[in-house]
Amino acid sequence: MRRNGDAVHSIQFSKPSDATKRFIRFYGHRESNLGSSVLIHPVPARSEPVLDFQFADEIQIHSLGDGVIRGAKSAALIGLQTHRRVEQAIRGRIESFSIFFQPAALSVLFGLPAIVVTNADLDAHGVLGRLVGGLRERLGNCGSFLERVRVAEAFFIDLSSKTPGFDIVESVAHQIRRQHGVCQIDAVARSAGLSSRTLHRRFKQSVGLSPKIFARIVRFESVLQTKATSPKLTWTDIAHGFGYHDQMHMVHDFHSLSTDTPSGLLRHLENIFSGDFSTVDKTHILL
């Protein structure tokens, strides 16, 4: 929990059950009562799609490309992000619940070509239909984060009973994540029994971008997570450990994916999370 005078900003996380972990990476819950304070939350590149529900005051979304300011949708489907396209301005009383999916979950669960939402945040009602409206209503009637997790779990257990079996693209995405993005995509394709061209086509349809770009973003997130949880490691050591040619190569990658330096982005996240990175994956959660 982050406090500044009377301002309060807290974020909680929960892992999915064994029954839903094929589709869900984790659940997030944010509550803020910031008064007149404003908290800016950067949204750099990200390797998982998100279904985000807002229940209190409206978060403002600032577009970095054209300067447009708009309100966050009450239910937003947010695809994978390849760069820092927007940032959030949080003020007043905020209450949100977010479902962070596995990379191919939108395709498997909803039959949605993931590329439709890459680098976008869309009205979930319009994209996913009435199911989302019913889920939002049930979540809104909950009195706690854990109750919302139970409601979401029941929803996805029921939905997943109608899904096809495990797909090779899901397996490849998990392999890339296990290797922290430090892998040769041609070798990954061969191990999956696919040509590089076939993997590229199927991955882009199911995940929303090419396996090479996905691996690059996963590596970026892994670097940030490693430094956040192991602050005594130097950036140079981390750069070499994750296969960058040198530290400047890593800095260039960070600027491309977040418009910030590694240290600068980490400071932003420390401000949001009060420097507490004990919860898994906290450094790249974009609530």
Protein backbone atom coordinates (compact mmCIF):
# COMPACT_ATOMS: atom_id res chain seq x y z
CA MET A 1 0.00 0.00 0.00
CA ARG A 2 1.24 3.49 -0.90
CA ARG A 3 0.31 6.42 1.35
CA ASN A 4 1.01 10.10 0.85
CA GLY A 5 -0.77 12.11 3.52
CA ASP A 6 -4.43 11.11 3.18
CA ALA A 7 -3.88 9.58 -0.27
CA VAL A 8 -3.98 5.78 -0.48
CA HIS A 9 -3.06 3.53 -3.40
CA SER A 10 -2.98 -0.26 -3.00
CA ILE A 11 -2.56 -3.15 -5.44
CA GLN A 12 -3.21 -6.83 -4.75
CA PHE A 13 -2.55 -9.95 -6.80
CA SER A 14 -3.78 -13.52 -6.88
CA LYS A 15 -2.69 -16.53 -8.89
CA PRO A 16 -5.28 -18.62 -10.74
CA SER A 17 -6.29 -22.12 -9.74
CA ASP A 18 -4.96 -25.23 -11.47
CA ALA A 19 -8.28 -25.37 -13.32
CA THR A 20 -7.75 -21.99 -15.02
CA LYS A 21 -3.98 -21.50 -15.18
CA ARG A 22 -3.95 -22.60 -18.83
CA PHE A 23 -5.78 -19.35 -19.61
CA ILE A 24 -5.09 -16.96 -16.70
CA ARG A 25 -1.67 -15.72 -15.56
CA PHE A 26 -2.95 -13.76 -12.54
CA TYR A 27 -5.65 -11.45 -11.22
CA GLY A 28 -5.01 -7.88 -10.07
CA HIS A 29 -7.03 -5.50 -7.93
CA ARG A 30 -6.39 -1.80 -7.41
CA GLU A 31 -7.97 0.60 -4.95
CA SER A 32 -7.02 4.26 -4.75
CA ASN A 33 -8.27 7.25 -2.87
CA LEU A 34 -5.87 9.95 -3.97
CA GLY A 35 -7.89 13.09 -3.32
CA SER A 36 -6.28 15.88 -5.33
CA SER A 37 -3.08 13.87 -5.93
CA VAL A 38 -2.37 12.43 -9.38
CA LEU A 39 -0.46 9.20 -9.96
CA ILE A 40 0.99 8.69 -13.44
CA HIS A 41 1.32 5.04 -14.42
CA PRO A 42 3.46 4.31 -17.49
CA VAL A 43 2.25 1.51 -19.79
CA PRO A 44 5.26 0.10 -21.64
CA ALA A 45 5.32 -2.97 -23.89
CA ARG A 46 3.53 -5.94 -22.35
CA SER A 47 3.37 -9.64 -23.18
CA GLU A 48 -0.13 -10.53 -22.00
CA PRO A 49 -3.66 -9.40 -22.88
CA VAL A 50 -5.85 -7.98 -20.11
CA LEU A 51 -9.56 -7.74 -19.38
CA ASP A 52 -9.94 -4.72 -17.11
CA PHE A 53 -13.05 -3.65 -15.15
CA GLN A 54 -13.51 -0.21 -13.55
CA PHE A 55 -16.01 0.31 -10.70
CA ALA A 56 -15.43 3.82 -9.33
CA ASP A 57 -14.01 7.08 -10.75
CA GLU A 58 -12.70 7.11 -14.29
CA ILE A 59 -9.00 6.63 -14.94
CA GLN A 60 -7.73 8.97 -17.64
CA ILE A 61 -5.80 7.52 -20.58
CA HIS A 62 -3.23 9.84 -22.16
CA SER A 63 -2.20 8.96 -25.70
CA LEU A 64 1.48 9.73 -26.19
CA GLY A 65 1.20 9.80 -29.98
CA ASP A 66 -1.47 12.46 -30.53
CA GLY A 67 -1.93 13.91 -27.03
CA VAL A 68 -5.59 12.82 -26.83
CA ILE A 69 -6.95 12.38 -23.29
CA ARG A 70 -9.90 10.04 -22.77
CA GLY A 71 -11.56 8.07 -20.03
CA ALA A 72 -10.89 4.38 -19.48
CA LYS A 73 -13.76 2.11 -20.46
CA SER A 74 -15.81 0.41 -17.74
CA ALA A 75 -14.79 -2.91 -19.29
CA ALA A 76 -11.74 -2.80 -21.55
CA LEU A 77 -10.03 -5.54 -23.52
CA ILE A 78 -6.38 -4.60 -23.81
CA GLY A 79 -4.14 -6.46 -26.23
CA LEU A 80 -0.40 -7.05 -26.17
CA GLN A 81 1.55 -3.79 -26.40
CA THR A 82 4.73 -3.43 -28.43
CA HIS A 83 5.66 0.07 -27.19
CA ARG A 84 4.63 2.75 -24.69
CA ARG A 85 1.52 3.91 -26.51
CA VAL A 86 -0.37 5.44 -23.54
CA GLU A 87 -0.03 6.23 -19.86
CA GLN A 88 -2.65 6.32 -17.11
CA ALA A 89 -3.46 9.32 -14.92
CA ILE A 90 -5.05 8.11 -11.68
CA ARG A 91 -6.90 10.48 -9.37
CA GLY A 92 -9.89 10.44 -7.04
CA ARG A 93 -11.33 7.08 -5.96
CA ILE A 94 -10.35 4.15 -8.15
CA GLU A 95 -11.45 0.55 -7.88
CA SER A 96 -10.52 -1.89 -10.62
CA PHE A 97 -10.25 -5.64 -11.19
CA SER A 98 -8.00 -6.97 -13.95
CA ILE A 99 -7.61 -10.42 -15.48
CA PHE A 100 -4.19 -11.01 -17.02
CA PHE A 101 -4.41 -13.79 -19.60
CA GLN A 102 -1.93 -16.26 -20.98
CA PRO A 103 -0.75 -15.08 -24.42
CA ALA A 104 -3.07 -17.22 -26.59
CA ALA A 105 -6.10 -17.17 -24.28
CA LEU A 106 -8.19 -14.69 -26.28
CA SER A 107 -8.03 -16.97 -29.29
CA VAL A 108 -8.67 -20.17 -27.33
CA LEU A 109 -11.42 -18.90 -25.01
CA PHE A 110 -13.27 -16.46 -27.24
CA GLY A 111 -12.24 -17.43 -30.78
CA LEU A 112 -10.89 -13.90 -31.18
CA PRO A 113 -7.93 -13.25 -33.50
CA ALA A 114 -5.58 -11.67 -30.96
CA ILE A 115 -4.07 -9.36 -33.56
CA VAL A 116 -7.36 -7.40 -33.51
CA VAL A 117 -6.46 -5.95 -30.09
CA THR A 118 -2.67 -5.66 -30.40
CA ASN A 119 -1.63 -2.12 -29.44
CA ALA A 120 -5.25 -1.27 -28.66
CA ASP A 121 -7.71 -1.06 -25.77
CA LEU A 122 -11.25 -1.76 -26.91
CA ASP A 123 -14.70 -1.76 -25.33
CA ALA A 124 -14.93 -5.36 -24.11
CA HIS A 125 -18.72 -5.40 -24.43
CA GLY A 126 -18.46 -4.66 -28.13
CA VAL A 127 -15.69 -7.20 -28.78
CA LEU A 128 -16.70 -10.11 -26.52
CA GLY A 129 -20.45 -9.61 -26.29
CA ARG A 130 -22.99 -10.10 -23.53
CA LEU A 131 -20.86 -12.51 -21.52
CA VAL A 132 -18.69 -9.60 -20.38
CA GLY A 133 -21.68 -7.54 -19.23
CA GLY A 134 -22.89 -10.35 -17.01
CA LEU A 135 -19.42 -10.92 -15.59
CA ARG A 136 -18.95 -7.21 -14.84
CA GLU A 137 -22.28 -7.10 -13.00
CA ARG A 138 -21.36 -10.09 -10.83
CA LEU A 139 -17.92 -8.64 -10.10
CA GLY A 140 -19.47 -5.28 -9.21
CA ASN A 141 -21.66 -6.95 -6.59
CA CYS A 142 -18.66 -8.48 -4.82
CA GLY A 143 -17.39 -7.08 -1.55
CA SER A 144 -13.73 -8.06 -1.78
CA PHE A 145 -10.90 -8.90 -4.13
CA LEU A 146 -10.96 -12.60 -3.17
CA GLU A 147 -14.68 -12.76 -3.83
CA ARG A 148 -14.07 -11.29 -7.29
CA VAL A 149 -11.37 -13.88 -7.92
CA ARG A 150 -13.83 -16.65 -7.02
CA VAL A 151 -16.45 -15.19 -9.38
CA ALA A 152 -13.89 -14.90 -12.21
CA GLU A 153 -12.62 -18.42 -11.58
CA ALA A 154 -16.13 -19.86 -11.82
CA PHE A 155 -16.74 -17.90 -15.04
CA PHE A 156 -13.58 -19.14 -16.75
CA ILE A 157 -13.96 -22.73 -15.54
CA ASP A 158 -17.39 -22.78 -17.17
CA LEU A 159 -16.15 -21.04 -20.33
CA SER A 160 -13.09 -23.28 -20.66
CA SER A 161 -15.25 -26.43 -20.67
CA LYS A 162 -16.15 -25.51 -24.25
CA THR A 163 -12.58 -24.85 -25.49
CA PRO A 164 -10.42 -27.06 -27.73
CA GLY A 165 -7.42 -28.98 -26.46
CA PHE A 166 -3.95 -27.53 -25.88
CA ASP A 167 -2.57 -25.89 -29.01
CA ILE A 168 1.04 -25.90 -30.23
CA VAL A 169 1.12 -22.08 -30.21
CA GLU A 170 0.32 -22.11 -26.49
CA SER A 171 3.21 -24.53 -25.97
CA VAL A 172 5.61 -22.29 -27.92
CA ALA A 173 4.54 -19.19 -25.97
CA HIS A 174 5.15 -21.01 -22.69
CA GLN A 175 8.57 -22.16 -23.91
CA ILE A 176 9.56 -18.61 -24.83
CA ARG A 177 8.44 -17.39 -21.42
CA ARG A 178 10.29 -20.19 -19.59
CA GLN A 179 13.44 -19.11 -21.43
CA HIS A 180 12.78 -15.45 -20.52
CA GLY A 181 12.73 -14.56 -24.20
CA VAL A 182 16.36 -15.59 -24.64
CA CYS A 183 15.93 -18.06 -27.48
CA GLN A 184 16.35 -18.57 -31.20
CA ILE A 185 12.91 -18.59 -32.82
CA ASP A 186 14.03 -20.90 -35.64
CA ALA A 187 15.11 -23.47 -33.03
CA VAL A 188 11.84 -23.02 -31.13
CA ALA A 189 9.90 -23.62 -34.35
CA ARG A 190 11.88 -26.79 -35.09
CA SER A 191 11.27 -28.14 -31.59
CA ALA A 192 7.53 -27.58 -32.18
CA GLY A 193 7.65 -29.41 -35.49
CA LEU A 194 6.78 -26.28 -37.47
CA SER A 195 8.52 -24.22 -40.11
CA SER A 196 9.49 -20.70 -39.05
CA ARG A 197 6.96 -19.28 -41.53
CA THR A 198 4.10 -21.43 -40.21
CA LEU A 199 4.93 -20.57 -36.60
CA HIS A 200 5.07 -16.86 -37.46
CA ARG A 201 1.63 -16.97 -39.12
CA ARG A 202 -0.08 -19.03 -36.41
CA PHE A 203 1.56 -17.15 -33.54
CA LYS A 204 0.57 -13.76 -34.92
CA GLN A 205 -3.05 -14.89 -35.26
CA SER A 206 -3.31 -16.52 -31.82
CA VAL A 207 -1.03 -14.27 -29.74
CA GLY A 208 -1.22 -11.00 -31.66
CA LEU A 209 2.37 -10.47 -32.78
CA SER A 210 5.30 -12.42 -34.14
CA PRO A 211 7.17 -14.87 -31.88
CA LYS A 212 10.34 -12.79 -32.30
CA ILE A 213 8.71 -9.60 -30.99
CA PHE A 214 6.95 -11.55 -28.24
CA ALA A 215 10.32 -12.96 -27.11
CA ARG A 216 11.83 -9.48 -27.14
CA ILE A 217 9.08 -8.15 -24.86
CA VAL A 218 9.31 -11.16 -22.54
CA ARG A 219 13.07 -10.55 -22.21
CA PHE A 220 12.45 -6.86 -21.45
CA GLU A 221 9.97 -7.80 -18.71
CA SER A 222 12.32 -10.44 -17.32
CA VAL A 223 15.18 -7.94 -17.08
CA LEU A 224 13.01 -5.48 -15.21
CA GLN A 225 11.72 -8.18 -12.85
CA THR A 226 15.27 -9.40 -12.16
CA LYS A 227 16.61 -5.95 -11.29
CA ALA A 228 13.56 -5.16 -9.15
CA THR A 229 13.88 -8.34 -7.09
CA SER A 230 17.71 -8.45 -7.08
CA PRO A 231 18.79 -4.80 -6.76
CA LYS A 232 22.42 -5.72 -5.98
CA LEU A 233 22.88 -7.05 -9.50
CA THR A 234 24.32 -4.45 -11.86
CA TRP A 235 22.58 -3.55 -15.10
CA THR A 236 25.67 -4.76 -16.95
CA ASP A 237 25.52 -8.18 -15.30
CA ILE A 238 21.81 -8.43 -16.07
CA ALA A 239 22.32 -7.37 -19.69
CA HIS A 240 24.91 -10.11 -20.22
CA GLY A 241 22.75 -12.64 -18.38
CA PHE A 242 19.85 -12.03 -20.74
CA GLY A 243 21.83 -12.19 -23.95
CA TYR A 244 22.25 -8.51 -24.81
CA HIS A 245 25.48 -7.63 -26.59
CA ASP A 246 26.21 -5.02 -23.94
CA GLN A 247 24.43 -2.60 -21.62
CA MET A 248 23.84 -0.05 -24.39
CA HIS A 249 22.06 -2.68 -26.46
CA MET A 250 19.73 -3.23 -23.48
CA VAL A 251 19.23 0.52 -22.98
CA HIS A 252 18.27 0.91 -26.64
CA ASP A 253 15.77 -1.95 -26.29
CA PHE A 254 14.23 -0.37 -23.20
CA HIS A 255 13.85 2.97 -24.97
CA SER A 256 12.13 1.30 -27.91
CA LEU A 257 9.72 -0.64 -25.67
CA SER A 258 9.08 1.96 -22.96
CA THR A 259 10.55 5.34 -24.11
CA ASP A 260 12.55 5.25 -20.88
CA THR A 261 15.87 4.05 -19.51
CA PRO A 262 16.00 0.87 -17.39
CA SER A 263 16.61 2.91 -14.23
CA GLY A 264 13.97 5.48 -15.12
CA LEU A 265 11.24 2.91 -15.71
CA LEU A 266 12.15 1.08 -12.51
CA ARG A 267 11.83 4.34 -10.55
CA HIS A 268 8.33 4.87 -11.96
CA LEU A 269 7.32 1.40 -10.82
CA GLU A 270 8.88 1.86 -7.39
CA ASN A 271 6.79 5.00 -6.99
CA ILE A 272 3.62 3.06 -7.83
CA PHE A 273 4.43 -0.03 -5.76
CA SER A 274 6.31 1.72 -2.95
CA GLY A 275 9.41 -0.30 -3.83
CA ASP A 276 7.70 -3.56 -2.73
CA PHE A 277 8.36 -6.14 -5.44
CA SER A 278 7.75 -9.24 -3.35
CA THR A 279 4.74 -10.35 -5.42
CA VAL A 280 5.50 -12.35 -8.56
CA ASP A 281 5.41 -10.40 -11.85
CA LYS A 282 4.67 -7.12 -10.10
CA THR A 283 7.13 -5.12 -12.20
CA HIS A 284 5.20 -5.53 -15.41
CA ILE A 285 1.63 -5.40 -14.14
CA LEU A 286 -0.12 -2.51 -15.85
CA LEU A 287 -3.30 -2.06 -13.86
